[in-house]
Amino acid sequence: MDRAILKSKLDDFGIAPIYYSLDGELIPDCIILFHNYHAWEVFYLDERGDRNNTRNFESEH
C-alpha cells in the first residue's frame, strides 16, 4: 500500500487529516509517515516534539 491508497482508506474510515501527516510534515499531536533516507518511519509526535511508538519499514509499501 502506498500513501495514496492509505489516504483513501483513512478517508473511507472517516479519519480527519488533522490526525496524521503522510508527507513527513512534523505536526505535533499527530501520527507521522516520514521518509528518512533509506527507511520509512511511522511515529506519533507528541505536543512536546518527542517521537513515540516509532516503527521503521524498508519501503513505502
PDB file of N, CA and C in Angstrom:
ATOM      1  N   MET A   1       0.851  -1.172   0.000  1.00  0.00           N
ATOM      2  CA  MET A   1       0.000   0.000   0.000  1.00  0.00           C
ATOM      3  C   MET A   1       0.899   1.237   0.000  1.00  0.00           C
ATOM      4  N   ASP A   2       0.624   2.158  -0.886  1.00  0.00           N
ATOM      5  CA  ASP A   2       1.384   3.409  -0.916  1.00  0.00           C
ATOM      6  C   ASP A   2       0.574   4.513  -0.225  1.00  0.00           C
ATOM      7  N   ARG A   3       1.145   5.707  -0.184  1.00  0.00           N
ATOM      8  CA  ARG A   3       0.499   6.811   0.537  1.00  0.00           C
ATOM      9  C   ARG A   3      -0.860   7.179  -0.042  1.00  0.00           C
ATOM     10  N   ALA A   4      -1.005   7.123  -1.356  1.00  0.00           N
ATOM     11  CA  ALA A   4      -2.288   7.477  -1.978  1.00  0.00           C
ATOM     12  C   ALA A   4      -3.390   6.507  -1.555  1.00  0.00           C
ATOM     13  N   ILE A   5      -3.093   5.227  -1.529  1.00  0.00           N
ATOM     14  CA  ILE A   5      -4.081   4.231  -1.104  1.00  0.00           C
ATOM     15  C   ILE A   5      -4.372   4.379   0.382  1.00  0.00           C
ATOM     16  N   LEU A   6      -3.327   4.600   1.170  1.00  0.00           N
ATOM     17  CA  LEU A   6      -3.515   4.817   2.604  1.00  0.00           C
ATOM     18  C   LEU A   6      -4.411   6.027   2.858  1.00  0.00           C
ATOM     19  N   LYS A   7      -4.185   7.123   2.151  1.00  0.00           N
ATOM     20  CA  LYS A   7      -5.007   8.328   2.287  1.00  0.00           C
ATOM     21  C   LYS A   7      -6.466   8.010   1.982  1.00  0.00           C
ATOM     22  N   SER A   8      -6.683   7.242   0.923  1.00  0.00           N
ATOM     23  CA  SER A   8      -8.038   6.865   0.535  1.00  0.00           C
ATOM     24  C   SER A   8      -8.709   6.019   1.622  1.00  0.00           C
ATOM     25  N   LYS A   9      -7.977   5.076   2.180  1.00  0.00           N
ATOM     26  CA  LYS A   9      -8.527   4.223   3.240  1.00  0.00           C
ATOM     27  C   LYS A   9      -8.829   5.028   4.504  1.00  0.00           C
ATOM     28  N   LEU A  10      -7.939   5.942   4.871  1.00  0.00           N
ATOM     29  CA  LEU A  10      -8.192   6.785   6.039  1.00  0.00           C
ATOM     30  C   LEU A  10      -9.436   7.641   5.827  1.00  0.00           C
ATOM     31  N   ASP A  11      -9.606   8.158   4.612  1.00  0.00           N
ATOM     32  CA  ASP A  11     -10.810   8.927   4.289  1.00  0.00           C
ATOM     33  C   ASP A  11     -12.056   8.051   4.399  1.00  0.00           C
ATOM     34  N   ASP A  12     -11.959   6.806   3.898  1.00  0.00           N
ATOM     35  CA  ASP A  12     -13.086   5.877   3.971  1.00  0.00           C
ATOM     36  C   ASP A  12     -13.504   5.602   5.413  1.00  0.00           C
ATOM     37  N   PHE A  13     -12.535   5.532   6.320  1.00  0.00           N
ATOM     38  CA  PHE A  13     -12.812   5.289   7.729  1.00  0.00           C
ATOM     39  C   PHE A  13     -13.239   6.560   8.469  1.00  0.00           C
ATOM     40  N   GLY A  14     -13.206   7.697   7.781  1.00  0.00           N
ATOM     41  CA  GLY A  14     -13.635   8.950   8.387  1.00  0.00           C
ATOM     42  C   GLY A  14     -12.615   9.568   9.329  1.00  0.00           C
ATOM     43  N   ILE A  15     -11.339   9.233   9.137  1.00  0.00           N
ATOM     44  CA  ILE A  15     -10.279   9.793   9.974  1.00  0.00           C
ATOM     45  C   ILE A  15      -9.843  11.130   9.376  1.00  0.00           C
ATOM     46  N   ALA A  16      -9.999  12.183  10.136  1.00  0.00           N
ATOM     47  CA  ALA A  16      -9.704  13.537   9.655  1.00  0.00           C
ATOM     48  C   ALA A  16      -8.199  13.732   9.451  1.00  0.00           C
ATOM     49  N   PRO A  17      -7.813  14.463   8.414  1.00  0.00           N
ATOM     50  CA  PRO A  17      -6.396  14.716   8.127  1.00  0.00           C
ATOM     51  C   PRO A  17      -5.647  15.471   9.224  1.00  0.00           C
ATOM     52  N   ILE A  18      -6.332  16.044  10.180  1.00  0.00           N
ATOM     53  CA  ILE A  18      -5.637  16.729  11.275  1.00  0.00           C
ATOM     54  C   ILE A  18      -4.950  15.746  12.215  1.00  0.00           C
ATOM     55  N   TYR A  19      -5.267  14.452  12.087  1.00  0.00           N
ATOM     56  CA  TYR A  19      -4.704  13.434  12.973  1.00  0.00           C
ATOM     57  C   TYR A  19      -3.480  12.728  12.401  1.00  0.00           C
ATOM     58  N   TYR A  20      -3.103  13.031  11.158  1.00  0.00           N
ATOM     59  CA  TYR A  20      -1.972  12.352  10.551  1.00  0.00           C
ATOM     60  C   TYR A  20      -1.298  13.240   9.505  1.00  0.00           C
ATOM     61  N   SER A  21      -0.058  12.877   9.188  1.00  0.00           N
ATOM     62  CA  SER A  21       0.694  13.540   8.120  1.00  0.00           C
ATOM     63  C   SER A  21       1.361  12.452   7.286  1.00  0.00           C
ATOM     64  N   LEU A  22       1.027  12.396   6.018  1.00  0.00           N
ATOM     65  CA  LEU A  22       1.592  11.380   5.132  1.00  0.00           C
ATOM     66  C   LEU A  22       2.740  11.916   4.289  1.00  0.00           C
ATOM     67  N   ASP A  23       3.026  13.202   4.408  1.00  0.00           N
ATOM     68  CA  ASP A  23       4.096  13.787   3.591  1.00  0.00           C
ATOM     69  C   ASP A  23       5.321  14.171   4.422  1.00  0.00           C
ATOM     70  N   GLY A  24       5.365  13.712   5.672  1.00  0.00           N
ATOM     71  CA  GLY A  24       6.528  13.959   6.516  1.00  0.00           C
ATOM     72  C   GLY A  24       6.506  15.266   7.276  1.00  0.00           C
ATOM     73  N   GLU A  25       5.453  16.052   7.114  1.00  0.00           N
ATOM     74  CA  GLU A  25       5.357  17.305   7.859  1.00  0.00           C
ATOM     75  C   GLU A  25       5.231  16.990   9.344  1.00  0.00           C
ATOM     76  N   LEU A  26       6.075  17.591  10.163  1.00  0.00           N
ATOM     77  CA  LEU A  26       6.125  17.290  11.591  1.00  0.00           C
ATOM     78  C   LEU A  26       5.121  18.147  12.356  1.00  0.00           C
ATOM     79  N   ILE A  27       3.914  17.646  12.445  1.00  0.00           N
ATOM     80  CA  ILE A  27       2.811  18.330  13.115  1.00  0.00           C
ATOM     81  C   ILE A  27       2.637  17.701  14.491  1.00  0.00           C
ATOM     82  N   PRO A  28       2.682  18.496  15.555  1.00  0.00           N
ATOM     83  CA  PRO A  28       2.509  17.924  16.900  1.00  0.00           C
ATOM     84  C   PRO A  28       1.150  17.269  17.083  1.00  0.00           C
ATOM     85  N   ASP A  29       1.127  16.240  17.920  1.00  0.00           N
ATOM     86  CA  ASP A  29      -0.088  15.518  18.276  1.00  0.00           C
ATOM     87  C   ASP A  29      -0.698  14.798  17.075  1.00  0.00           C
ATOM     88  N   CYS A  30       0.165  14.234  16.217  1.00  0.00           N
ATOM     89  CA  CYS A  30      -0.263  13.518  15.017  1.00  0.00           C
ATOM     90  C   CYS A  30       0.558  12.252  14.816  1.00  0.00           C
ATOM     91  N   ILE A  31       0.005  11.354  14.005  1.00  0.00           N
ATOM     92  CA  ILE A  31       0.754  10.198  13.510  1.00  0.00           C
ATOM     93  C   ILE A  31       1.446  10.661  12.232  1.00  0.00           C
ATOM     94  N   ILE A  32       2.748  10.425  12.134  1.00  0.00           N
ATOM     95  CA  ILE A  32       3.557  10.926  11.026  1.00  0.00           C
ATOM     96  C   ILE A  32       4.121   9.762  10.222  1.00  0.00           C
ATOM     97  N   LEU A  33       4.033   9.847   8.900  1.00  0.00           N
ATOM     98  CA  LEU A  33       4.746   8.949   7.997  1.00  0.00           C
ATOM     99  C   LEU A  33       5.883   9.772   7.417  1.00  0.00           C
ATOM    100  N   PHE A  34       7.117   9.330   7.668  1.00  0.00           N
ATOM    101  CA  PHE A  34       8.299  10.130   7.333  1.00  0.00           C
ATOM    102  C   PHE A  34       9.299   9.280   6.558  1.00  0.00           C
ATOM    103  N   HIS A  35       9.721   9.774   5.394  1.00  0.00           N
ATOM    104  CA  HIS A  35      10.754   9.079   4.614  1.00  0.00           C
ATOM    105  C   HIS A  35      12.108   9.593   5.056  1.00  0.00           C
ATOM    106  N   ASN A  36      12.864   8.725   5.705  1.00  0.00           N
ATOM    107  CA  ASN A  36      14.150   9.090   6.287  1.00  0.00           C
ATOM    108  C   ASN A  36      15.263   8.360   5.539  1.00  0.00           C
ATOM    109  N   TYR A  37      15.730   8.929   4.460  1.00  0.00           N
ATOM    110  CA  TYR A  37      16.795   8.382   3.623  1.00  0.00           C
ATOM    111  C   TYR A  37      16.468   6.980   3.131  1.00  0.00           C
ATOM    112  N   HIS A  38      16.905   5.942   3.842  1.00  0.00           N
ATOM    113  CA  HIS A  38      16.745   4.565   3.373  1.00  0.00           C
ATOM    114  C   HIS A  38      15.575   3.846   4.025  1.00  0.00           C
ATOM    115  N   ALA A  39      14.861   4.508   4.893  1.00  0.00           N
ATOM    116  CA  ALA A  39      13.778   3.849   5.619  1.00  0.00           C
ATOM    117  C   ALA A  39      12.551   4.759   5.697  1.00  0.00           C
ATOM    118  N   TRP A  40      11.425   4.134   5.948  1.00  0.00           N
ATOM    119  CA  TRP A  40      10.180   4.850   6.209  1.00  0.00           C
ATOM    120  C   TRP A  40       9.888   4.698   7.687  1.00  0.00           C
ATOM    121  N   GLU A  41       9.550   5.787   8.337  1.00  0.00           N
ATOM    122  CA  GLU A  41       9.245   5.769   9.759  1.00  0.00           C
ATOM    123  C   GLU A  41       7.796   6.189   9.977  1.00  0.00           C
ATOM    124  N   VAL A  42       7.158   5.516  10.897  1.00  0.00           N
ATOM    125  CA  VAL A  42       5.819   5.897  11.344  1.00  0.00           C
ATOM    126  C   VAL A  42       5.922   6.099  12.848  1.00  0.00           C
ATOM    127  N   PHE A  43       5.447   7.243  13.323  1.00  0.00           N
ATOM    128  CA  PHE A  43       5.533   7.535  14.750  1.00  0.00           C
ATOM    129  C   PHE A  43       4.477   8.563  15.137  1.00  0.00           C
ATOM    130  N   TYR A  44       4.240   8.619  16.436  1.00  0.00           N
ATOM    131  CA  TYR A  44       3.381   9.652  16.995  1.00  0.00           C
ATOM    132  C   TYR A  44       4.284  10.774  17.491  1.00  0.00           C
ATOM    133  N   LEU A  45       4.011  11.991  17.065  1.00  0.00           N
ATOM    134  CA  LEU A  45       4.766  13.160  17.517  1.00  0.00           C
ATOM    135  C   LEU A  45       3.913  13.876  18.561  1.00  0.00           C
ATOM    136  N   ASP A  46       4.387  13.832  19.820  1.00  0.00           N
ATOM    137  CA  ASP A  46       3.580  14.445  20.873  1.00  0.00           C
ATOM    138  C   ASP A  46       3.718  15.971  20.875  1.00  0.00           C
ATOM    139  N   GLU A  47       2.970  16.605  21.774  1.00  0.00           N
ATOM    140  CA  GLU A  47       2.917  18.073  21.795  1.00  0.00           C
ATOM    141  C   GLU A  47       4.244  18.714  22.181  1.00  0.00           C
ATOM    142  N   ARG A  48       5.180  17.951  22.765  1.00  0.00           N
ATOM    143  CA  ARG A  48       6.499  18.483  23.118  1.00  0.00           C
ATOM    144  C   ARG A  48       7.552  18.190  22.044  1.00  0.00           C
ATOM    145  N   GLY A  49       7.136  17.546  20.953  1.00  0.00           N
ATOM    146  CA  GLY A  49       8.061  17.252  19.871  1.00  0.00           C
ATOM    147  C   GLY A  49       8.808  15.937  20.021  1.00  0.00           C
ATOM    148  N   ASP A  50       8.395  15.102  20.981  1.00  0.00           N
ATOM    149  CA  ASP A  50       9.014  13.797  21.169  1.00  0.00           C
ATOM    150  C   ASP A  50       8.352  12.756  20.275  1.00  0.00           C
ATOM    151  N   ARG A  51       9.170  11.882  19.701  1.00  0.00           N
ATOM    152  CA  ARG A  51       8.652  10.788  18.886  1.00  0.00           C
ATOM    153  C   ARG A  51       8.334   9.601  19.781  1.00  0.00           C
ATOM    154  N   ASN A  52       7.173   9.023  19.575  1.00  0.00           N
ATOM    155  CA  ASN A  52       6.724   7.885  20.373  1.00  0.00           C
ATOM    156  C   ASN A  52       6.264   6.760  19.453  1.00  0.00           C
ATOM    157  N   ASN A  53       6.446   5.524  19.915  1.00  0.00           N
ATOM    158  CA  ASN A  53       5.963   4.336  19.203  1.00  0.00           C
ATOM    159  C   ASN A  53       6.476   4.272  17.768  1.00  0.00           C
ATOM    160  N   THR A  54       7.744   4.553  17.566  1.00  0.00           N
ATOM    161  CA  THR A  54       8.337   4.567  16.228  1.00  0.00           C
ATOM    162  C   THR A  54       8.428   3.161  15.651  1.00  0.00           C
ATOM    163  N   ARG A  55       8.035   3.031  14.392  1.00  0.00           N
ATOM    164  CA  ARG A  55       8.194   1.794  13.636  1.00  0.00           C
ATOM    165  C   ARG A  55       8.911   2.133  12.342  1.00  0.00           C
ATOM    166  N   ASN A  56       9.868   1.299  11.952  1.00  0.00           N
ATOM    167  CA  ASN A  56      10.651   1.516  10.729  1.00  0.00           C
ATOM    168  C   ASN A  56      10.319   0.451   9.696  1.00  0.00           C
ATOM    169  N   PHE A  57      10.289   0.876   8.436  1.00  0.00           N
ATOM    170  CA  PHE A  57       9.996  -0.022   7.332  1.00  0.00           C
ATOM    171  C   PHE A  57      10.989   0.250   6.205  1.00  0.00           C
ATOM    172  N   GLU A  58      11.290  -0.779   5.425  1.00  0.00           N
ATOM    173  CA  GLU A  58      12.255  -0.645   4.338  1.00  0.00           C
ATOM    174  C   GLU A  58      11.679   0.016   3.101  1.00  0.00           C
ATOM    175  N   SER A  59      10.359  -0.067   2.917  1.00  0.00           N
ATOM    176  CA  SER A  59       9.755   0.529   1.734  1.00  0.00           C
ATOM    177  C   SER A  59       8.426   1.184   2.091  1.00  0.00           C
ATOM    178  N   GLU A  60       7.939   1.970   1.188  1.00  0.00           N
ATOM    179  CA  GLU A  60       6.643   2.635   1.389  1.00  0.00           C
ATOM    180  C   GLU A  60       5.506   1.616   1.416  1.00  0.00           C
ATOM    181  N   HIS A  61       5.667   0.543   0.696  1.00  0.00           N
ATOM    182  CA  HIS A  61       4.597  -0.463   0.596  1.00  0.00           C
ATOM    183  C   HIS A  61       4.524  -1.293   1.840  1.00  0.00           C
TER     184      HIS A  61
END
